[in-house]
N, C-alpha and C. Protein backbone atom coordinates (compact mmCIF):
# COMPACT_ATOMS: atom_id res chain seq x y z
N MET A 1 -0.90 18.50 -1.65
CA MET A 1 0.23 18.92 -0.86
C MET A 1 0.16 18.30 0.54
N ARG A 2 -1.06 18.19 1.07
CA ARG A 2 -1.22 17.60 2.41
C ARG A 2 -0.69 16.18 2.43
N PHE A 3 -0.90 15.42 1.35
CA PHE A 3 -0.40 14.05 1.24
C PHE A 3 1.11 14.01 1.42
N LEU A 4 1.82 14.86 0.70
CA LEU A 4 3.28 14.85 0.74
C LEU A 4 3.84 15.34 2.07
N THR A 5 3.25 16.36 2.65
CA THR A 5 3.79 16.90 3.89
C THR A 5 3.48 15.98 5.08
N ALA A 6 2.39 15.23 5.03
CA ALA A 6 2.03 14.34 6.14
C ALA A 6 2.67 12.96 6.01
N MET A 7 3.24 12.68 4.86
CA MET A 7 3.81 11.37 4.60
C MET A 7 5.07 11.13 5.43
N ASN A 8 5.26 9.91 5.89
CA ASN A 8 6.46 9.53 6.63
C ASN A 8 7.66 9.63 5.68
N PRO A 9 8.74 10.31 6.08
CA PRO A 9 9.89 10.45 5.18
C PRO A 9 10.61 9.13 4.89
N GLY A 10 10.29 8.08 5.64
CA GLY A 10 10.88 6.77 5.40
C GLY A 10 10.19 5.99 4.30
N TRP A 11 9.07 6.49 3.81
CA TRP A 11 8.35 5.83 2.71
C TRP A 11 8.88 6.37 1.40
N ASN A 12 9.06 5.49 0.43
CA ASN A 12 9.64 5.87 -0.85
C ASN A 12 8.55 5.92 -1.93
N ILE A 13 8.40 7.08 -2.58
CA ILE A 13 7.49 7.18 -3.72
C ILE A 13 8.24 6.62 -4.92
N SER A 14 7.80 5.46 -5.40
CA SER A 14 8.49 4.81 -6.51
C SER A 14 7.77 5.02 -7.84
N LEU A 15 6.55 5.54 -7.79
CA LEU A 15 5.77 5.77 -9.00
C LEU A 15 4.77 6.89 -8.72
N PHE A 16 4.64 7.84 -9.64
CA PHE A 16 3.67 8.92 -9.47
C PHE A 16 3.15 9.32 -10.84
N HIS A 17 1.83 9.32 -10.99
CA HIS A 17 1.22 9.73 -12.26
C HIS A 17 -0.05 10.50 -11.93
N TYR A 18 -0.18 11.71 -12.49
CA TYR A 18 -1.34 12.57 -12.29
C TYR A 18 -2.03 12.78 -13.61
N ARG A 19 -3.35 12.60 -13.62
CA ARG A 19 -4.11 12.76 -14.86
C ARG A 19 -5.27 13.71 -14.61
N ASN A 20 -5.35 14.76 -15.41
CA ASN A 20 -6.39 15.76 -15.27
C ASN A 20 -6.95 16.06 -16.66
N HIS A 21 -8.26 16.03 -16.78
CA HIS A 21 -8.90 16.31 -18.07
C HIS A 21 -9.66 17.63 -18.04
N GLY A 22 -9.04 18.65 -17.45
CA GLY A 22 -9.64 19.98 -17.45
C GLY A 22 -10.56 20.26 -16.28
N ALA A 23 -10.73 19.31 -15.39
CA ALA A 23 -11.58 19.54 -14.22
C ALA A 23 -10.72 20.12 -13.09
N ASP A 24 -11.37 20.44 -11.97
CA ASP A 24 -10.62 20.96 -10.83
C ASP A 24 -10.11 19.83 -9.94
N TYR A 25 -10.16 18.62 -10.42
CA TYR A 25 -9.62 17.46 -9.72
C TYR A 25 -9.03 16.52 -10.75
N GLY A 26 -8.24 15.59 -10.31
CA GLY A 26 -7.63 14.63 -11.22
C GLY A 26 -7.47 13.29 -10.56
N ARG A 27 -7.07 12.32 -11.34
CA ARG A 27 -6.80 10.98 -10.82
C ARG A 27 -5.29 10.85 -10.61
N ILE A 28 -4.92 10.25 -9.51
CA ILE A 28 -3.52 10.12 -9.17
C ILE A 28 -3.20 8.65 -8.90
N LEU A 29 -2.11 8.20 -9.49
CA LEU A 29 -1.59 6.87 -9.21
C LEU A 29 -0.26 7.06 -8.49
N VAL A 30 -0.16 6.48 -7.31
CA VAL A 30 1.06 6.59 -6.52
C VAL A 30 1.50 5.19 -6.11
N GLY A 31 2.74 4.88 -6.39
CA GLY A 31 3.34 3.64 -5.91
C GLY A 31 4.28 3.96 -4.77
N LEU A 32 4.07 3.33 -3.63
CA LEU A 32 4.90 3.60 -2.46
C LEU A 32 5.55 2.33 -1.95
N GLN A 33 6.78 2.45 -1.54
CA GLN A 33 7.48 1.37 -0.87
C GLN A 33 7.45 1.67 0.62
N VAL A 34 6.75 0.81 1.36
CA VAL A 34 6.61 0.98 2.81
C VAL A 34 7.12 -0.28 3.48
N PRO A 35 8.02 -0.16 4.46
CA PRO A 35 8.48 -1.36 5.15
C PRO A 35 7.31 -2.11 5.78
N GLU A 36 7.38 -3.41 5.79
CA GLU A 36 6.30 -4.23 6.36
C GLU A 36 5.98 -3.79 7.79
N SER A 37 6.99 -3.41 8.53
CA SER A 37 6.78 -2.98 9.92
C SER A 37 5.98 -1.67 10.01
N GLY A 38 5.90 -0.91 8.92
CA GLY A 38 5.17 0.35 8.92
C GLY A 38 3.82 0.28 8.24
N ARG A 39 3.37 -0.94 7.92
CA ARG A 39 2.12 -1.10 7.18
C ARG A 39 0.91 -0.48 7.89
N GLN A 40 0.77 -0.73 9.19
CA GLN A 40 -0.39 -0.19 9.91
C GLN A 40 -0.34 1.33 9.97
N GLU A 41 0.85 1.89 10.19
CA GLU A 41 1.00 3.34 10.18
C GLU A 41 0.59 3.91 8.82
N PHE A 42 0.98 3.22 7.75
CA PHE A 42 0.62 3.66 6.41
C PHE A 42 -0.90 3.62 6.19
N LEU A 43 -1.54 2.53 6.60
CA LEU A 43 -2.99 2.42 6.45
C LEU A 43 -3.71 3.50 7.26
N ASP A 44 -3.23 3.77 8.45
CA ASP A 44 -3.80 4.85 9.27
C ASP A 44 -3.63 6.20 8.57
N PHE A 45 -2.47 6.40 7.96
CA PHE A 45 -2.20 7.63 7.21
C PHE A 45 -3.21 7.80 6.07
N LEU A 46 -3.44 6.74 5.30
CA LEU A 46 -4.40 6.82 4.19
C LEU A 46 -5.79 7.16 4.69
N GLU A 47 -6.21 6.52 5.78
CA GLU A 47 -7.53 6.81 6.35
C GLU A 47 -7.64 8.26 6.81
N SER A 48 -6.56 8.80 7.37
CA SER A 48 -6.59 10.17 7.89
C SER A 48 -6.76 11.21 6.78
N LEU A 49 -6.39 10.87 5.56
CA LEU A 49 -6.49 11.82 4.45
C LEU A 49 -7.94 12.07 4.05
N GLY A 50 -8.78 11.05 4.20
CA GLY A 50 -10.19 11.21 3.86
C GLY A 50 -10.49 11.12 2.37
N HIS A 51 -9.54 10.67 1.58
CA HIS A 51 -9.74 10.51 0.14
C HIS A 51 -9.92 9.03 -0.18
N PRO A 52 -10.69 8.72 -1.22
CA PRO A 52 -10.79 7.30 -1.61
C PRO A 52 -9.44 6.80 -2.12
N TYR A 53 -9.15 5.54 -1.84
CA TYR A 53 -7.92 4.93 -2.32
C TYR A 53 -8.18 3.44 -2.56
N SER A 54 -7.27 2.83 -3.26
CA SER A 54 -7.39 1.41 -3.57
C SER A 54 -6.02 0.77 -3.48
N ASP A 55 -5.92 -0.35 -2.77
CA ASP A 55 -4.69 -1.11 -2.69
C ASP A 55 -4.69 -2.08 -3.87
N GLU A 56 -3.74 -1.91 -4.76
CA GLU A 56 -3.68 -2.73 -5.97
C GLU A 56 -2.60 -3.81 -5.91
N THR A 57 -2.10 -4.10 -4.71
CA THR A 57 -1.04 -5.08 -4.56
C THR A 57 -1.42 -6.45 -5.12
N ALA A 58 -2.68 -6.84 -4.99
CA ALA A 58 -3.12 -8.16 -5.47
C ALA A 58 -3.58 -8.13 -6.93
N HIS A 59 -3.54 -6.97 -7.57
CA HIS A 59 -3.97 -6.85 -8.96
C HIS A 59 -3.04 -7.67 -9.86
N PRO A 60 -3.58 -8.40 -10.84
CA PRO A 60 -2.74 -9.22 -11.72
C PRO A 60 -1.63 -8.43 -12.44
N ALA A 61 -1.89 -7.19 -12.81
CA ALA A 61 -0.86 -6.38 -13.48
C ALA A 61 0.32 -6.14 -12.55
N TYR A 62 0.03 -5.91 -11.29
CA TYR A 62 1.11 -5.74 -10.32
C TYR A 62 1.94 -7.01 -10.23
N ARG A 63 1.24 -8.12 -10.14
CA ARG A 63 1.92 -9.41 -10.02
C ARG A 63 2.80 -9.68 -11.25
N LEU A 64 2.35 -9.31 -12.42
CA LEU A 64 3.09 -9.60 -13.65
C LEU A 64 4.24 -8.62 -13.91
N PHE A 65 4.01 -7.34 -13.66
CA PHE A 65 4.96 -6.33 -14.10
C PHE A 65 5.69 -5.57 -13.01
N LEU A 66 5.10 -5.44 -11.83
CA LEU A 66 5.70 -4.56 -10.83
C LEU A 66 6.24 -5.30 -9.62
N ALA A 67 5.87 -6.55 -9.46
CA ALA A 67 6.34 -7.30 -8.29
C ALA A 67 7.86 -7.48 -8.36
N SER A 68 8.42 -7.77 -7.23
CA SER A 68 9.86 -8.01 -7.13
C SER A 68 10.30 -9.06 -8.13
N ARG A 69 11.41 -8.83 -8.77
CA ARG A 69 11.95 -9.80 -9.75
C ARG A 69 12.19 -11.14 -9.08
N SER A 70 12.50 -11.14 -7.78
CA SER A 70 12.74 -12.40 -7.09
C SER A 70 11.47 -13.21 -6.95
N ALA A 71 10.31 -12.55 -7.06
CA ALA A 71 9.05 -13.25 -6.95
C ALA A 71 8.62 -13.86 -8.29
N VAL A 72 9.31 -13.47 -9.35
CA VAL A 72 8.97 -13.95 -10.69
C VAL A 72 9.90 -15.10 -11.05
N LYS A 73 9.31 -16.24 -11.38
CA LYS A 73 10.11 -17.40 -11.74
C LYS A 73 10.62 -17.23 -13.16
N THR A 74 11.92 -17.40 -13.33
CA THR A 74 12.52 -17.29 -14.66
C THR A 74 13.21 -18.59 -15.01
N ASN A 75 13.37 -18.84 -16.29
CA ASN A 75 14.06 -20.05 -16.76
C ASN A 75 15.50 -19.73 -17.09
């Protein structure tokens, strides 16, 4: 809940997946659209939460399936 209430309302949650296998914690995948001008604010926000996170922007799956259609060359 702290994540959602502290989040900048200008950031768009475009993907959310929560996975719990009966423990008192779970794994969460969140895709956010943040304007380039707000990148540093976003990184500061993530650090302030104190939870581990991973930026998957450079991951090959992101490049193949989630990147902007304009970035994908089509015939």
